[in-house]
């Protein structure tokens, strides 16, 4: 678990320095992203293991708005870094 936390901390530290350009924001809001979100946030992550599961999820039948016809249920674990770990 500590190894995963360290990896997440490394990725988090990289993101602190990253800023989107106006062009990137425009592309995200016009082409990419999820329509049901408010336009300010997106969800992202990294697959550490189980890529076949991701492939299975992406192959399900979807509606016109790219939402799955049937809900996909999953169990996730969220690991939050404390302020002390971030600095």
C-alpha atoms as a PDB file:
ATOM      1  CA  UNK A   1       0.000   0.000   0.000  1.00  0.00           C
ATOM      2  CA  UNK A   2       2.849   2.391   0.797  1.00  0.00           C
ATOM      3  CA  UNK A   3       4.218   1.851  -2.721  1.00  0.00           C
ATOM      4  CA  UNK A   4       0.882   2.911  -4.229  1.00  0.00           C
ATOM      5  CA  UNK A   5       0.692   5.955  -1.947  1.00  0.00           C
ATOM      6  CA  UNK A   6       4.228   6.983  -2.967  1.00  0.00           C
ATOM      7  CA  UNK A   7       3.343   6.627  -6.669  1.00  0.00           C
ATOM      8  CA  UNK A   8       0.198   8.719  -6.201  1.00  0.00           C
ATOM      9  CA  UNK A   9       2.180  11.366  -4.349  1.00  0.00           C
ATOM     10  CA  UNK A  10       4.693  11.566  -7.227  1.00  0.00           C
ATOM     11  CA  UNK A  11       1.867  12.030  -9.735  1.00  0.00           C
ATOM     12  CA  UNK A  12       0.149  14.602  -7.517  1.00  0.00           C
ATOM     13  CA  UNK A  13       3.363  16.625  -7.249  1.00  0.00           C
ATOM     14  CA  UNK A  14       3.643  16.700 -11.053  1.00  0.00           C
ATOM     15  CA  UNK A  15       0.077  17.989 -11.386  1.00  0.00           C
ATOM     16  CA  UNK A  16       0.663  20.910  -9.014  1.00  0.00           C
ATOM     17  CA  UNK A  17       2.922  22.472 -11.642  1.00  0.00           C
ATOM     18  CA  UNK A  18       0.578  21.799 -14.567  1.00  0.00           C
ATOM     19  CA  UNK A  19      -1.800  24.404 -15.959  1.00  0.00           C
ATOM     20  CA  UNK A  20      -4.080  24.090 -18.969  1.00  0.00           C
ATOM     21  CA  UNK A  21      -3.726  26.599 -21.787  1.00  0.00           C
ATOM     22  CA  UNK A  22      -6.822  28.409 -23.032  1.00  0.00           C
ATOM     23  CA  UNK A  23      -6.704  26.268 -26.196  1.00  0.00           C
ATOM     24  CA  UNK A  24      -6.639  23.060 -24.125  1.00  0.00           C
ATOM     25  CA  UNK A  25      -9.613  24.264 -22.076  1.00  0.00           C
ATOM     26  CA  UNK A  26     -11.548  25.056 -25.271  1.00  0.00           C
ATOM     27  CA  UNK A  27     -10.829  21.615 -26.742  1.00  0.00           C
ATOM     28  CA  UNK A  28     -11.883  19.920 -23.512  1.00  0.00           C
ATOM     29  CA  UNK A  29     -15.155  21.812 -23.271  1.00  0.00           C
ATOM     30  CA  UNK A  30     -16.071  21.450 -26.971  1.00  0.00           C
ATOM     31  CA  UNK A  31     -14.771  17.976 -27.837  1.00  0.00           C
ATOM     32  CA  UNK A  32     -13.876  16.028 -24.707  1.00  0.00           C
ATOM     33  CA  UNK A  33     -15.123  15.713 -21.196  1.00  0.00           C
ATOM     34  CA  UNK A  34     -18.345  14.418 -19.750  1.00  0.00           C
ATOM     35  CA  UNK A  35     -21.525  16.330 -20.624  1.00  0.00           C
ATOM     36  CA  UNK A  36     -23.109  15.706 -17.215  1.00  0.00           C
ATOM     37  CA  UNK A  37     -20.243  17.406 -15.364  1.00  0.00           C
ATOM     38  CA  UNK A  38     -20.325  21.146 -14.769  1.00  0.00           C
ATOM     39  CA  UNK A  39     -17.432  21.973 -17.087  1.00  0.00           C
ATOM     40  CA  UNK A  40     -15.012  22.755 -14.290  1.00  0.00           C
ATOM     41  CA  UNK A  41     -13.861  19.290 -13.266  1.00  0.00           C
ATOM     42  CA  UNK A  42     -12.955  15.973 -14.769  1.00  0.00           C
ATOM     43  CA  UNK A  43     -12.213  12.610 -13.244  1.00  0.00           C
ATOM     44  CA  UNK A  44      -8.915  10.951 -13.984  1.00  0.00           C
ATOM     45  CA  UNK A  45      -6.875   8.076 -12.702  1.00  0.00           C
ATOM     46  CA  UNK A  46      -4.275   5.508 -13.537  1.00  0.00           C
ATOM     47  CA  UNK A  47      -4.859   1.806 -14.056  1.00  0.00           C
ATOM     48  CA  UNK A  48      -2.261   0.029 -11.946  1.00  0.00           C
ATOM     49  CA  UNK A  49      -3.562  -3.427 -12.741  1.00  0.00           C
ATOM     50  CA  UNK A  50      -6.612  -4.913 -14.422  1.00  0.00           C
ATOM     51  CA  UNK A  51      -6.466  -3.321 -17.876  1.00  0.00           C
ATOM     52  CA  UNK A  52      -8.682  -6.140 -19.208  1.00  0.00           C
ATOM     53  CA  UNK A  53     -11.467  -4.882 -16.937  1.00  0.00           C
ATOM     54  CA  UNK A  54     -11.120  -1.403 -18.447  1.00  0.00           C
ATOM     55  CA  UNK A  55     -11.283  -2.916 -21.936  1.00  0.00           C
ATOM     56  CA  UNK A  56     -14.458  -4.769 -20.937  1.00  0.00           C
ATOM     57  CA  UNK A  57     -16.035  -1.546 -19.619  1.00  0.00           C
ATOM     58  CA  UNK A  58     -15.210   0.364 -22.806  1.00  0.00           C
ATOM     59  CA  UNK A  59     -16.766  -2.338 -24.991  1.00  0.00           C
ATOM     60  CA  UNK A  60     -20.302  -2.178 -23.523  1.00  0.00           C
ATOM     61  CA  UNK A  61     -23.242  -0.972 -25.594  1.00  0.00           C
ATOM     62  CA  UNK A  62     -23.871   2.764 -25.170  1.00  0.00           C
ATOM     63  CA  UNK A  63     -26.656   5.268 -25.854  1.00  0.00           C
ATOM     64  CA  UNK A  64     -26.296   8.235 -28.218  1.00  0.00           C
ATOM     65  CA  UNK A  65     -24.630  10.361 -25.530  1.00  0.00           C
ATOM     66  CA  UNK A  66     -21.988   7.638 -24.969  1.00  0.00           C
ATOM     67  CA  UNK A  67     -23.514   6.556 -21.655  1.00  0.00           C
ATOM     68  CA  UNK A  68     -23.738   2.783 -21.080  1.00  0.00           C
ATOM     69  CA  UNK A  69     -27.208   1.332 -21.758  1.00  0.00           C
ATOM     70  CA  UNK A  70     -26.912  -0.582 -18.477  1.00  0.00           C
ATOM     71  CA  UNK A  71     -25.214   0.870 -15.402  1.00  0.00           C
ATOM     72  CA  UNK A  72     -21.716  -0.403 -14.690  1.00  0.00           C
ATOM     73  CA  UNK A  73     -21.271  -1.026 -10.997  1.00  0.00           C
ATOM     74  CA  UNK A  74     -17.815  -1.087  -9.453  1.00  0.00           C
ATOM     75  CA  UNK A  75     -16.062  -0.900  -6.123  1.00  0.00           C
ATOM     76  CA  UNK A  76     -13.280   1.645  -5.818  1.00  0.00           C
ATOM     77  CA  UNK A  77     -10.793   2.686  -3.165  1.00  0.00           C
ATOM     78  CA  UNK A  78      -9.878   6.348  -2.869  1.00  0.00           C
ATOM     79  CA  UNK A  79      -6.524   7.207  -1.353  1.00  0.00           C
ATOM     80  CA  UNK A  80      -6.176  10.804  -0.198  1.00  0.00           C
ATOM     81  CA  UNK A  81      -2.812  12.328   0.556  1.00  0.00           C
ATOM     82  CA  UNK A  82      -2.701  14.379   3.732  1.00  0.00           C
ATOM     83  CA  UNK A  83      -1.324  17.905   3.647  1.00  0.00           C
ATOM     84  CA  UNK A  84       1.855  16.663   5.343  1.00  0.00           C
ATOM     85  CA  UNK A  85       2.369  14.098   2.565  1.00  0.00           C
ATOM     86  CA  UNK A  86       1.858  16.699  -0.173  1.00  0.00           C
ATOM     87  CA  UNK A  87       4.751  18.910   0.887  1.00  0.00           C
END
